[in-house]
Protein backbone atom coordinates (compact mmCIF):
# COMPACT_ATOMS: atom_id res chain seq x y z
CA MET A 1 10.16 -29.09 -7.59
CA GLU A 2 9.99 -28.32 -11.16
CA LYS A 3 7.70 -25.84 -12.59
CA ALA A 4 4.70 -26.87 -14.48
CA ILE A 5 1.72 -25.31 -16.51
CA LEU A 6 -1.77 -27.00 -16.01
CA GLY A 7 -3.90 -27.29 -19.13
CA LEU A 8 -7.51 -28.40 -18.73
CA ASP A 9 -10.01 -29.17 -21.58
CA ILE A 10 -13.67 -29.10 -20.19
CA GLY A 11 -16.16 -30.80 -22.42
CA GLY A 12 -19.84 -31.74 -22.26
CA THR A 13 -19.10 -35.39 -21.07
CA GLY A 14 -15.59 -35.23 -19.71
CA ILE A 15 -12.89 -32.88 -18.23
CA LYS A 16 -9.23 -33.82 -18.95
CA GLY A 17 -5.96 -32.40 -17.56
CA GLY A 18 -2.34 -32.35 -18.14
CA VAL A 19 0.70 -30.88 -17.00
CA LEU A 20 3.56 -29.31 -19.40
CA ILE A 21 7.14 -29.96 -17.69
CA ASN A 22 10.16 -29.11 -19.73
CA GLY A 23 8.23 -29.19 -23.00
CA HIS A 24 6.57 -32.29 -22.50
CA LEU A 25 2.99 -33.09 -21.48
CA GLU A 26 2.56 -35.54 -18.63
CA ASP A 27 0.10 -36.86 -16.18
CA ILE A 28 -2.97 -37.06 -18.29
CA ARG A 29 -6.18 -37.45 -16.16
CA SER A 30 -9.98 -37.31 -16.73
CA ILE A 31 -13.19 -37.22 -14.81
CA ALA A 32 -16.77 -37.13 -15.85
CA THR A 33 -18.45 -33.69 -16.40
CA PRO A 34 -21.26 -33.12 -14.21
CA ALA A 35 -23.17 -31.59 -17.22
CA ARG A 36 -26.74 -31.58 -15.51
CA GLU A 37 -25.67 -30.31 -12.11
CA SER A 38 -25.83 -26.58 -10.92
CA LYS A 39 -23.21 -24.15 -11.78
CA GLU A 40 -21.83 -24.43 -8.14
CA PHE A 41 -21.69 -28.05 -8.34
CA ILE A 42 -19.60 -27.89 -11.86
CA LEU A 43 -17.31 -25.21 -10.49
CA GLU A 44 -16.45 -27.24 -7.35
CA THR A 45 -15.95 -30.24 -9.68
CA ILE A 46 -13.40 -28.44 -11.69
CA ALA A 47 -11.69 -27.08 -8.48
CA GLU A 48 -11.39 -30.36 -6.91
CA PHE A 49 -10.13 -31.85 -10.16
CA ILE A 50 -7.48 -29.00 -10.22
CA GLU A 51 -6.32 -29.82 -6.56
CA THR A 52 -5.36 -33.23 -7.78
CA TYR A 53 -2.51 -31.47 -9.43
CA MET A 54 -1.32 -29.24 -6.81
CA SER A 55 1.59 -31.37 -5.84
CA TYR A 56 3.28 -29.65 -8.85
CA ASP A 57 4.69 -26.08 -8.73
CA LEU A 58 2.22 -24.81 -11.05
CA VAL A 59 2.85 -21.30 -12.83
CA GLY A 60 -0.24 -21.11 -14.52
CA ILE A 61 -3.58 -22.61 -15.56
CA GLY A 62 -4.87 -22.82 -19.20
CA VAL A 63 -8.53 -23.71 -19.69
CA GLY A 64 -10.42 -24.78 -23.08
CA ILE A 65 -14.05 -24.51 -23.17
CA PRO A 66 -16.59 -25.51 -26.03
CA GLY A 67 -18.36 -22.33 -26.12
CA LEU A 68 -17.91 -18.54 -26.53
CA VAL A 69 -15.50 -16.78 -24.05
CA ASP A 70 -14.84 -13.39 -22.98
CA VAL A 71 -10.97 -14.01 -23.09
CA ARG A 72 -10.07 -10.92 -21.48
CA GLU A 73 -12.26 -11.15 -18.62
CA GLY A 74 -12.35 -15.13 -18.44
CA ILE A 75 -16.06 -15.39 -18.43
CA VAL A 76 -17.47 -18.31 -20.14
CA LEU A 77 -20.73 -16.94 -21.88
CA GLY A 78 -22.47 -20.08 -22.60
CA LEU A 79 -22.09 -23.78 -23.10
CA SER A 80 -24.96 -25.54 -25.08
CA ASN A 81 -24.15 -29.12 -23.82
CA ILE A 82 -23.90 -27.81 -20.13
CA PRO A 83 -27.14 -25.91 -19.59
CA ALA A 84 -26.13 -24.49 -16.10
CA PHE A 85 -22.84 -23.01 -17.28
CA GLN A 86 -23.82 -19.69 -18.63
CA HIS A 87 -22.16 -16.39 -18.17
CA VAL A 88 -19.79 -18.09 -15.53
CA GLU A 89 -16.69 -15.75 -14.14
CA LEU A 90 -14.39 -18.91 -14.32
CA LYS A 91 -11.15 -16.91 -14.39
CA LYS A 92 -12.08 -15.02 -11.18
CA PHE A 93 -13.26 -18.07 -9.48
CA LEU A 94 -10.20 -20.14 -10.23
CA THR A 95 -7.88 -17.18 -9.57
CA GLU A 96 -9.22 -16.71 -6.33
CA ARG A 97 -9.20 -20.35 -5.58
CA PHE A 98 -5.62 -21.32 -6.51
CA SER A 99 -3.68 -17.71 -6.82
CA LYS A 100 -2.47 -18.66 -10.20
CA PRO A 101 -2.63 -16.84 -13.52
CA VAL A 102 -5.64 -18.30 -15.47
CA PHE A 103 -6.28 -17.81 -19.07
CA ILE A 104 -9.50 -19.20 -20.84
CA ASN A 105 -10.30 -19.66 -24.56
CA ASN A 106 -12.70 -21.45 -26.80
CA ASP A 107 -11.45 -25.30 -27.16
CA ALA A 108 -11.31 -24.80 -31.04
CA ASN A 109 -9.06 -21.92 -30.40
CA CYS A 110 -7.02 -24.05 -28.16
CA PHE A 111 -6.92 -26.60 -30.73
CA ALA A 112 -5.21 -24.44 -33.34
CA SER A 113 -2.79 -22.73 -30.86
CA GLY A 114 -1.78 -26.46 -29.95
CA VAL A 115 -0.86 -27.59 -33.23
CA HIS A 116 1.03 -24.19 -34.10
CA LYS A 117 2.87 -24.43 -30.67
CA PHE A 118 3.34 -28.25 -30.51
CA GLY A 119 2.23 -30.10 -33.47
CA VAL A 120 2.39 -30.44 -37.15
CA GLY A 121 1.72 -26.72 -37.54
CA ARG A 122 4.69 -25.51 -35.97
CA LYS A 123 6.38 -24.51 -39.35
CA PHE A 124 3.53 -22.45 -40.35
CA ASN A 125 3.01 -18.64 -39.87
CA HIS A 126 -0.71 -18.94 -40.94
CA LEU A 127 -3.02 -21.71 -40.08
CA VAL A 128 -6.62 -22.73 -39.48
CA GLY A 129 -7.25 -25.64 -37.31
CA LEU A 130 -10.65 -27.62 -37.95
CA THR A 131 -11.91 -30.02 -35.03
CA LEU A 132 -14.10 -32.72 -36.56
CA GLY A 133 -15.91 -34.57 -34.08
CA THR A 134 -19.51 -34.62 -32.81
CA GLY A 135 -19.55 -30.98 -33.90
CA ILE A 136 -17.05 -28.83 -35.64
CA GLY A 137 -15.13 -26.05 -34.53
CA GLY A 138 -12.41 -23.78 -35.87
CA GLY A 139 -9.46 -21.69 -34.81
CA ILE A 140 -7.09 -19.05 -36.45
CA VAL A 141 -3.41 -18.50 -36.31
CA ILE A 142 -2.22 -15.26 -38.06
CA ASN A 143 1.40 -14.25 -38.27
CA GLY A 144 1.93 -16.97 -35.66
CA HIS A 145 -0.50 -15.49 -33.26
CA LEU A 146 -4.00 -17.17 -32.14
CA TYR A 147 -6.93 -14.89 -33.32
CA SER A 148 -9.58 -15.30 -31.08
CA GLY A 149 -11.93 -12.27 -32.36
CA VAL A 150 -14.64 -11.16 -30.04
CA ASN A 151 -15.79 -13.42 -27.31
CA SER A 152 -13.55 -15.91 -29.05
CA ALA A 153 -16.17 -16.52 -31.83
CA ALA A 154 -13.46 -16.22 -34.81
CA GLY A 155 -13.39 -19.42 -36.75
CA GLU A 156 -17.09 -20.60 -35.92
CA TRP A 157 -17.79 -21.66 -39.51
CA CYS A 158 -19.92 -24.37 -38.04
CA SER A 159 -23.07 -22.14 -37.72
CA ALA A 160 -22.62 -20.53 -41.38
CA THR A 161 -25.43 -21.32 -43.73
CA TYR A 162 -24.77 -24.15 -46.02
CA LEU A 163 -27.22 -26.12 -48.33
CA ASP A 164 -30.55 -26.64 -46.39
CA HIS A 165 -28.90 -26.42 -42.78
CA ASP A 166 -25.41 -25.07 -41.83
CA PHE A 167 -21.70 -26.59 -42.20
CA GLU A 168 -21.75 -28.34 -38.78
CA HIS A 169 -24.84 -30.59 -40.14
CA TYR A 170 -22.66 -31.76 -43.09
CA CYS A 171 -19.09 -31.51 -41.85
CA SER A 172 -19.13 -33.12 -38.35
CA GLY A 173 -20.42 -36.45 -37.01
CA LYS A 174 -23.86 -35.46 -37.48
CA PHE A 175 -23.75 -35.97 -41.32
CA PHE A 176 -23.08 -39.72 -41.01
CA GLU A 177 -25.48 -40.28 -38.23
CA LYS A 178 -28.04 -38.23 -39.92
CA TYR A 179 -27.80 -39.54 -43.59
CA TYR A 180 -26.26 -43.05 -42.85
CA HIS A 181 -27.45 -43.67 -39.33
CA SER A 182 -24.11 -44.81 -38.17
CA LYS A 183 -20.98 -43.39 -36.14
CA PRO A 184 -17.99 -42.29 -38.34
CA LYS A 185 -15.76 -44.89 -36.74
CA ALA A 186 -18.06 -47.96 -37.53
CA LEU A 187 -18.34 -46.39 -41.32
CA ALA A 188 -14.84 -46.42 -41.46
CA ARG A 189 -14.29 -49.94 -40.59
CA MET A 190 -17.03 -50.79 -43.57
CA ALA A 191 -15.48 -48.64 -45.91
CA GLN A 192 -11.85 -50.02 -45.36
CA THR A 193 -13.43 -53.69 -46.09
CA GLY A 194 -14.92 -52.15 -49.40
CA ASP A 195 -18.48 -51.43 -48.41
CA PRO A 196 -19.75 -49.16 -51.31
CA VAL A 197 -22.49 -47.43 -49.03
CA ALA A 198 -19.73 -46.58 -46.34
CA ILE A 199 -17.24 -45.52 -49.31
CA GLN A 200 -19.91 -43.26 -50.71
CA ALA A 201 -20.69 -41.84 -47.20
CA PHE A 202 -16.88 -40.55 -46.87
CA ASN A 203 -16.91 -39.34 -50.62
CA GLU A 204 -20.06 -37.06 -49.83
CA TYR A 205 -18.41 -35.87 -46.61
CA GLY A 206 -15.19 -35.17 -48.38
CA HIS A 207 -17.28 -32.86 -50.89
CA HIS A 208 -18.81 -31.06 -48.07
CA LEU A 209 -15.82 -30.39 -45.93
CA GLY A 210 -14.10 -29.28 -49.24
CA GLU A 211 -16.77 -26.47 -49.61
CA LEU A 212 -16.21 -25.45 -45.99
CA ILE A 213 -12.37 -24.97 -46.77
CA LYS A 214 -13.17 -22.95 -49.64
CA HIS A 215 -15.18 -20.65 -47.76
CA ILE A 216 -12.17 -20.41 -45.33
CA LEU A 217 -9.60 -19.93 -47.95
CA TYR A 218 -11.62 -16.95 -49.74
CA ALA A 219 -11.63 -15.34 -45.88
CA LEU A 220 -8.04 -16.18 -44.89
CA ALA A 221 -6.01 -18.11 -47.46
CA PRO A 222 -3.87 -19.84 -44.95
CA GLU A 223 -0.77 -21.92 -45.49
CA ALA A 224 -2.46 -24.87 -43.86
CA ILE A 225 -5.47 -26.54 -42.63
CA ILE A 226 -5.08 -28.54 -39.69
CA LEU A 227 -7.35 -31.42 -38.97
CA GLY A 228 -8.31 -32.52 -35.44
CA GLY A 229 -10.96 -34.34 -33.58
CA SER A 230 -11.82 -37.94 -34.11
CA ILE A 231 -13.01 -37.98 -37.77
CA ARG A 232 -9.55 -36.62 -38.90
CA LYS A 233 -8.24 -40.26 -38.14
CA THR A 234 -10.34 -41.39 -41.38
CA TYR A 235 -8.86 -38.65 -43.50
CA PRO A 236 -7.61 -41.21 -46.06
CA LEU A 237 -11.08 -42.17 -47.00
CA PHE A 238 -12.44 -38.79 -47.72
CA LYS A 239 -9.07 -37.10 -49.09
CA LYS A 240 -9.74 -37.52 -52.61
CA SER A 241 -12.98 -36.20 -52.67
CA LEU A 242 -12.29 -33.19 -50.59
CA LEU A 243 -9.28 -32.53 -53.15
CA LYS A 244 -11.73 -32.79 -55.88
CA SER A 245 -13.98 -30.25 -54.24
CA LEU A 246 -11.16 -27.85 -53.90
CA SER A 247 -10.12 -28.10 -57.49
CA THR A 248 -12.92 -25.88 -58.39
CA PHE A 249 -11.64 -23.11 -55.92
CA SER A 250 -11.10 -19.63 -58.15
CA TYR A 251 -7.54 -19.24 -57.29
CA PRO A 252 -5.45 -22.26 -58.09
CA THR A 253 -2.19 -20.74 -57.10
CA VAL A 254 -3.60 -20.42 -53.29
CA ILE A 255 -4.62 -24.42 -53.71
CA GLU A 256 -0.97 -25.05 -54.79
CA ARG A 257 0.38 -23.70 -51.80
CA LEU A 258 -1.91 -25.18 -49.25
CA GLN A 259 -1.26 -28.10 -47.06
CA ILE A 260 -4.08 -30.29 -45.47
CA LEU A 261 -2.77 -32.15 -42.65
CA PRO A 262 -4.03 -34.38 -39.94
CA SER A 263 -2.95 -33.50 -36.22
CA GLU A 264 -0.78 -36.25 -34.93
CA MET A 265 -1.39 -35.39 -31.33
CA ASP A 266 -4.68 -36.97 -29.32
CA GLU A 267 -4.16 -34.50 -26.61
CA THR A 268 -4.19 -31.19 -28.77
CA ALA A 269 -6.80 -29.41 -26.89
CA ILE A 270 -4.67 -29.97 -23.60
CA HIS A 271 -1.69 -28.85 -25.27
CA GLY A 272 -3.56 -25.78 -26.43
CA ALA A 273 -4.73 -24.87 -22.95
CA VAL A 274 -1.13 -25.00 -21.79
CA ALA A 275 -0.18 -22.94 -24.83
CA LEU A 276 -2.77 -20.08 -23.66
CA VAL A 277 -0.41 -19.50 -20.57
CA GLU A 278 2.85 -19.51 -22.47
CA LEU A 279 1.32 -17.37 -25.42
CA GLU A 280 -0.87 -15.02 -23.36
CA ASP A 281 1.06 -11.90 -24.30
CA VAL A 282 0.41 -12.45 -28.05
CA VAL A 283 -3.13 -13.65 -27.99
CA VAL A 284 -5.25 -11.42 -29.95
CA ASN A 285 -8.64 -10.77 -28.64
CA SER A 286 -10.41 -8.29 -31.06
């Protein structure tokens, strides 16, 4: 039996899994997240999902969580979209249940790790991964190592104040729903047919995202910004306005060397969860 690493992406609506065998991610499965159930019920659901993969010779389990995590202890500190999942000793639970090494981190950190290990970020030593979807998250790779910060909170620019709200309000799907009363995917179809209102929506979005990236550049000046999440697929619609926003950055030589690339992988979060197991010896926790 070939050895495999199991990666889990636990979200507010779904739990997805996959196994890495000989460098390839296989057997992608998913179930609904019982987000309104008790902590015990959710833990048992996760365990039962993992049990469906026990036909593989698992050498470790990596888990991505959309919230803050005590990475060293594997404690989920809180999830806004899963109310009962607060201060959960997930690593201890899974280790005792399956007797396998378990590694847990924030899902945006998993995204950054995944694109650096398996995707378009492989050629960069310093990168930031931004997940653009219902919300927005950030992950940081420095000198080839994932930097999580205290309680995996590094890269959470979503909560930084911007205009009359915060960056998540203007740089995620919330922007399109709040100001254009539509989902990004629907607006993208309209923009591609030349609808002026939809085109304007993406022009504004690109400007806001450019302002966020400028904040990132002042702090980290990475070689690359890798875009993930569903909104990344609309990058051609907001690329021009994003670059226009970046043209006002104070250090043009930094912009000249910066690459902004959409991720080519749809299962980056699972790849990143797997990478936690493979890269556990170089994850920086503080």
